[in-house]
């Protein structure tokens, strides 16, 4: 089943130096931009992470320091990449928890304030786990009847994710072919920030989702304990979390 789209949607996948969204860097990014008329635009690019790629990361994706020594840095391509993503919804496999938050951190480090809050996200892994509970390789075999022979190549994983979503729409009548529905269905929490340190409660109020103030409204905490804002801004939190917290604090004025 082909996707019904109001906006272009970008399926993307990252290969990285590790799995820490705050500290690791992108070494390869691949995307498929699908337009409402079904036209596809495919782009893949390796990036110099400006740090050694750990052996355990190379063991997963096969990319070495030598492979990216002459590649551009993320900062050099950030503005062009932001233009590609502008106006598009976003999809991936485990993208809500990893790829999107890490990409946002890279944008902010590069000084590009791309606003992901305006986008809708579809996480194909979440749909798969709600329906079947397996990995991308198994999902590709299960839904598409194909072997993912080039797993952990960003482009192969991106293409497989796109094909799996279309096959999921064919298989499950209760999945609506609508980006808004799929975005809501593939979201675990109503995150305020991408890392989920703050979420919306049942009353659509922003509350903290960690620590001693878990479940308490963000504005209430900032009013009663103003120092908590400074503690978070100085702490080891994602740049996106700090940006969103600052936005709430400024709104209170």
Protein backbone atom coordinates (compact mmCIF):
# COMPACT_ATOMS: atom_id res chain seq x y z
CA UNK A 1 0.00 0.00 0.00
CA UNK A 2 1.37 3.40 -0.96
CA UNK A 3 1.36 6.12 1.70
CA UNK A 4 -1.27 8.84 1.64
CA UNK A 5 0.67 12.01 2.23
CA UNK A 6 -0.21 15.66 2.73
CA UNK A 7 3.43 16.63 3.23
CA UNK A 8 6.64 15.00 2.02
CA UNK A 9 7.95 12.42 4.49
CA UNK A 10 11.60 11.53 5.08
CA UNK A 11 12.62 8.02 6.04
CA UNK A 12 16.15 8.13 7.43
CA UNK A 13 18.74 6.10 9.27
CA UNK A 14 22.00 6.99 11.01
CA UNK A 15 25.22 5.09 11.55
CA UNK A 16 27.10 6.56 14.48
CA UNK A 17 30.11 6.34 16.77
CA UNK A 18 27.88 4.87 19.50
CA UNK A 19 24.46 4.95 21.10
CA UNK A 20 24.74 7.96 23.43
CA UNK A 21 22.51 10.65 21.90
CA UNK A 22 24.31 13.44 23.76
CA UNK A 23 27.92 12.50 23.11
CA UNK A 24 28.14 10.29 20.01
CA UNK A 25 28.35 11.55 16.44
CA UNK A 26 26.98 10.63 13.01
CA UNK A 27 29.27 8.85 10.54
CA UNK A 28 26.67 8.10 7.86
CA UNK A 29 23.19 9.42 7.10
CA UNK A 30 20.84 8.05 4.47
CA UNK A 31 17.37 9.27 3.64
CA UNK A 32 14.51 8.64 1.27
CA UNK A 33 12.33 11.70 0.76
CA UNK A 34 8.89 10.60 -0.45
CA UNK A 35 6.65 13.26 -2.00
CA UNK A 36 2.81 13.17 -1.94
CA UNK A 37 2.79 12.17 -5.63
CA UNK A 38 4.97 9.12 -4.83
CA UNK A 39 8.22 10.52 -6.23
CA UNK A 40 11.27 9.46 -4.22
CA UNK A 41 14.55 11.27 -3.66
CA UNK A 42 17.40 9.20 -2.18
CA UNK A 43 20.48 10.68 -0.56
CA UNK A 44 23.34 9.06 1.38
CA UNK A 45 26.38 10.75 2.85
CA UNK A 46 29.23 9.77 5.11
CA UNK A 47 30.42 12.31 7.65
CA UNK A 48 33.63 12.90 9.55
CA UNK A 49 32.68 12.69 13.25
CA UNK A 50 35.86 14.56 14.21
CA UNK A 51 36.75 11.79 16.64
CA UNK A 52 37.93 8.17 16.37
CA UNK A 53 35.22 5.64 15.55
CA UNK A 54 35.30 2.94 18.27
CA UNK A 55 36.07 -0.59 17.11
CA UNK A 56 32.76 -1.85 18.48
CA UNK A 57 30.88 0.69 16.32
CA UNK A 58 32.88 -0.27 13.23
CA UNK A 59 32.04 -3.92 13.96
CA UNK A 60 28.35 -3.03 13.58
CA UNK A 61 28.32 -0.74 10.52
CA UNK A 62 31.73 -1.43 8.93
CA UNK A 63 32.75 2.24 8.68
CA UNK A 64 36.32 3.07 9.72
CA UNK A 65 38.24 6.27 10.42
CA UNK A 66 39.92 5.86 7.02
CA UNK A 67 36.53 5.73 5.30
CA UNK A 68 35.48 9.15 6.61
CA UNK A 69 38.78 11.03 6.92
CA UNK A 70 38.02 13.16 3.83
CA UNK A 71 34.26 13.38 4.39
CA UNK A 72 32.62 16.67 5.42
CA UNK A 73 31.74 17.32 9.04
CA UNK A 74 28.13 17.56 10.13
CA UNK A 75 28.51 21.30 10.64
CA UNK A 76 29.51 21.69 6.99
CA UNK A 77 26.32 20.03 5.73
CA UNK A 78 23.90 21.03 8.50
CA UNK A 79 22.21 23.95 6.72
CA UNK A 80 21.72 21.99 3.50
CA UNK A 81 20.33 19.06 5.48
CA UNK A 82 17.93 21.30 7.38
CA UNK A 83 16.60 22.61 4.07
CA UNK A 84 15.97 19.03 2.91
CA UNK A 85 14.02 18.24 6.12
CA UNK A 86 12.07 21.53 6.13
CA UNK A 87 8.32 20.97 5.76
CA UNK A 88 8.63 17.18 5.95
CA UNK A 89 7.29 14.62 8.36
CA UNK A 90 9.87 12.10 9.58
CA UNK A 91 9.99 8.30 9.85
CA UNK A 92 12.52 5.68 10.87
CA UNK A 93 13.14 2.48 12.82
CA UNK A 94 13.64 3.27 16.53
CA UNK A 95 13.90 6.87 15.33
CA UNK A 96 11.86 8.46 18.12
CA UNK A 97 14.26 7.19 20.78
CA UNK A 98 17.57 7.42 18.93
CA UNK A 99 17.91 8.84 15.42
CA UNK A 100 15.77 11.97 15.82
CA UNK A 101 17.17 13.02 19.23
CA UNK A 102 20.76 12.43 18.06
CA UNK A 103 20.16 14.35 14.80
CA UNK A 104 18.69 17.24 16.80
CA UNK A 105 21.81 17.31 19.01
CA UNK A 106 24.01 17.48 15.91
CA UNK A 107 21.93 20.36 14.51
CA UNK A 108 22.17 22.31 17.76
CA UNK A 109 25.93 21.75 18.06
CA UNK A 110 26.24 23.08 14.50
CA UNK A 111 24.27 26.19 15.41
CA UNK A 112 21.24 25.21 13.30
CA UNK A 113 18.03 25.48 15.33
CA UNK A 114 15.84 23.12 13.29
CA UNK A 115 12.42 22.88 14.95
CA UNK A 116 11.44 19.21 15.05
CA UNK A 117 8.38 20.08 17.17
CA UNK A 118 6.58 21.13 13.97
CA UNK A 119 7.04 17.67 12.43
CA UNK A 120 5.11 14.44 12.85
CA UNK A 121 7.13 11.28 13.60
CA UNK A 122 6.40 7.71 12.59
CA UNK A 123 8.49 5.06 14.33
CA UNK A 124 8.13 1.85 12.34
CA UNK A 125 9.82 -0.15 15.12
CA UNK A 126 7.10 0.85 17.58
CA UNK A 127 4.39 -0.28 15.18
CA UNK A 128 6.27 -3.56 14.68
CA UNK A 129 6.74 -4.12 18.43
CA UNK A 130 3.09 -3.39 19.15
CA UNK A 131 2.10 -5.88 16.48
CA UNK A 132 4.83 -8.54 16.42
CA UNK A 133 7.81 -7.72 18.74
CA UNK A 134 10.98 -8.32 16.64
CA UNK A 135 14.03 -6.65 14.97
CA UNK A 136 14.32 -4.83 11.62
CA UNK A 137 15.84 -7.92 9.95
CA UNK A 138 12.93 -10.03 11.19
CA UNK A 139 10.43 -7.29 10.31
CA UNK A 140 11.73 -7.13 6.74
CA UNK A 141 11.49 -10.91 6.39
CA UNK A 142 8.09 -11.07 8.09
CA UNK A 143 6.37 -8.25 6.24
CA UNK A 144 8.20 -8.15 2.90
CA UNK A 145 9.32 -11.78 2.52
CA UNK A 146 12.90 -10.67 1.85
CA UNK A 147 16.27 -11.13 3.52
CA UNK A 148 18.00 -7.93 4.60
CA UNK A 149 21.41 -8.93 3.30
CA UNK A 150 23.08 -5.55 3.87
CA UNK A 151 21.84 -4.83 7.39
CA UNK A 152 23.51 -1.91 9.21
CA UNK A 153 24.19 -0.13 5.97
CA UNK A 154 22.27 3.12 6.51
CA UNK A 155 20.77 3.11 3.01
CA UNK A 156 19.71 -0.54 3.17
CA UNK A 157 18.12 -0.04 6.59
CA UNK A 158 16.34 3.11 5.40
CA UNK A 159 14.91 1.37 2.33
CA UNK A 160 13.84 -1.62 4.43
CA UNK A 161 12.09 0.65 6.93
CA UNK A 162 10.12 2.38 4.17
CA UNK A 163 9.08 -0.95 2.64
CA UNK A 164 8.12 -2.40 6.05
CA UNK A 165 5.78 0.52 6.80
CA UNK A 166 3.97 0.07 3.48
CA UNK A 167 3.67 -3.67 4.14
CA UNK A 168 2.34 -3.00 7.66
CA UNK A 169 -0.43 -0.88 6.14
CA UNK A 170 -1.31 -3.80 3.84
CA UNK A 171 -1.34 -6.32 6.69
CA UNK A 172 -3.22 -4.47 9.45
CA UNK A 173 -6.66 -3.07 8.56
CA UNK A 174 -6.74 -1.12 11.84
CA UNK A 175 -3.70 0.94 10.78
CA UNK A 176 -4.97 4.05 9.05
CA UNK A 177 -3.02 5.26 6.03
CA UNK A 178 -2.66 8.67 7.58
CA UNK A 179 0.53 10.28 8.88
CA UNK A 180 -1.16 11.83 11.93
CA UNK A 181 -2.65 8.47 12.96
CA UNK A 182 0.61 6.60 12.38
CA UNK A 183 2.57 9.25 14.28
CA UNK A 184 0.29 8.95 17.31
CA UNK A 185 0.20 5.15 17.10
CA UNK A 186 4.00 4.84 16.98
CA UNK A 187 4.63 7.15 19.94
CA UNK A 188 5.08 5.68 23.44
CA UNK A 189 4.79 8.94 25.36
CA UNK A 190 3.66 12.42 24.41
CA UNK A 191 7.15 13.85 24.69
CA UNK A 192 7.71 17.56 25.21
CA UNK A 193 11.42 17.24 24.45
CA UNK A 194 12.80 14.59 22.12
CA UNK A 195 14.54 12.62 24.88
CA UNK A 196 11.35 12.41 26.93
CA UNK A 197 12.71 14.10 30.04
CA UNK A 198 9.45 16.07 29.96
CA UNK A 199 6.12 14.69 28.74
CA UNK A 200 2.52 15.80 28.49
CA UNK A 201 0.21 14.31 31.12
CA UNK A 202 -3.42 13.33 30.54
CA UNK A 203 -4.40 17.00 30.86
CA UNK A 204 -1.84 18.03 28.21
CA UNK A 205 0.29 19.75 30.85
CA UNK A 206 4.08 19.53 30.61
CA UNK A 207 5.45 17.45 33.50
CA UNK A 208 8.89 16.15 34.38
CA UNK A 209 9.45 12.48 33.54
CA UNK A 210 12.47 11.77 35.75
CA UNK A 211 13.99 12.38 39.16
CA UNK A 212 12.53 13.85 42.31
CA UNK A 213 9.97 15.95 40.43
CA UNK A 214 8.69 13.17 38.19
CA UNK A 215 5.02 13.76 37.39
CA UNK A 216 5.05 17.37 38.59
CA UNK A 217 4.19 20.24 36.21
CA UNK A 218 7.30 21.89 34.83
CA UNK A 219 6.03 25.42 35.42
CA UNK A 220 5.09 24.60 39.01
CA UNK A 221 8.59 23.26 39.73
CA UNK A 222 10.31 26.24 38.12
CA UNK A 223 8.20 28.63 40.20
CA UNK A 224 8.75 26.84 43.52
CA UNK A 225 12.37 25.83 42.90
CA UNK A 226 13.97 28.31 40.46
CA UNK A 227 17.40 26.75 41.00
CA UNK A 228 16.19 23.55 39.33
CA UNK A 229 16.38 25.30 35.97
CA UNK A 230 20.04 26.20 36.55
CA UNK A 231 20.81 22.67 37.71
CA UNK A 232 19.39 21.22 34.51
CA UNK A 233 21.12 23.77 32.29
CA UNK A 234 24.46 22.88 33.88
CA UNK A 235 23.72 19.16 33.95
CA UNK A 236 24.35 16.34 31.50
CA UNK A 237 21.10 16.72 29.57
CA UNK A 238 20.57 16.84 25.79
CA UNK A 239 20.78 20.28 24.18
CA UNK A 240 17.23 19.83 22.92
CA UNK A 241 15.98 19.26 26.49
CA UNK A 242 17.67 22.46 27.61
CA UNK A 243 16.24 24.36 24.65
CA UNK A 244 12.69 23.22 25.40
CA UNK A 245 13.06 23.92 29.13
CA UNK A 246 14.27 27.44 28.33
CA UNK A 247 11.30 27.95 26.02
CA UNK A 248 8.93 27.03 28.88
CA UNK A 249 10.76 29.32 31.31
CA UNK A 250 10.60 32.27 28.89
CA UNK A 251 6.92 31.58 28.24
CA UNK A 252 6.24 31.92 31.98
CA UNK A 253 7.36 35.55 31.83
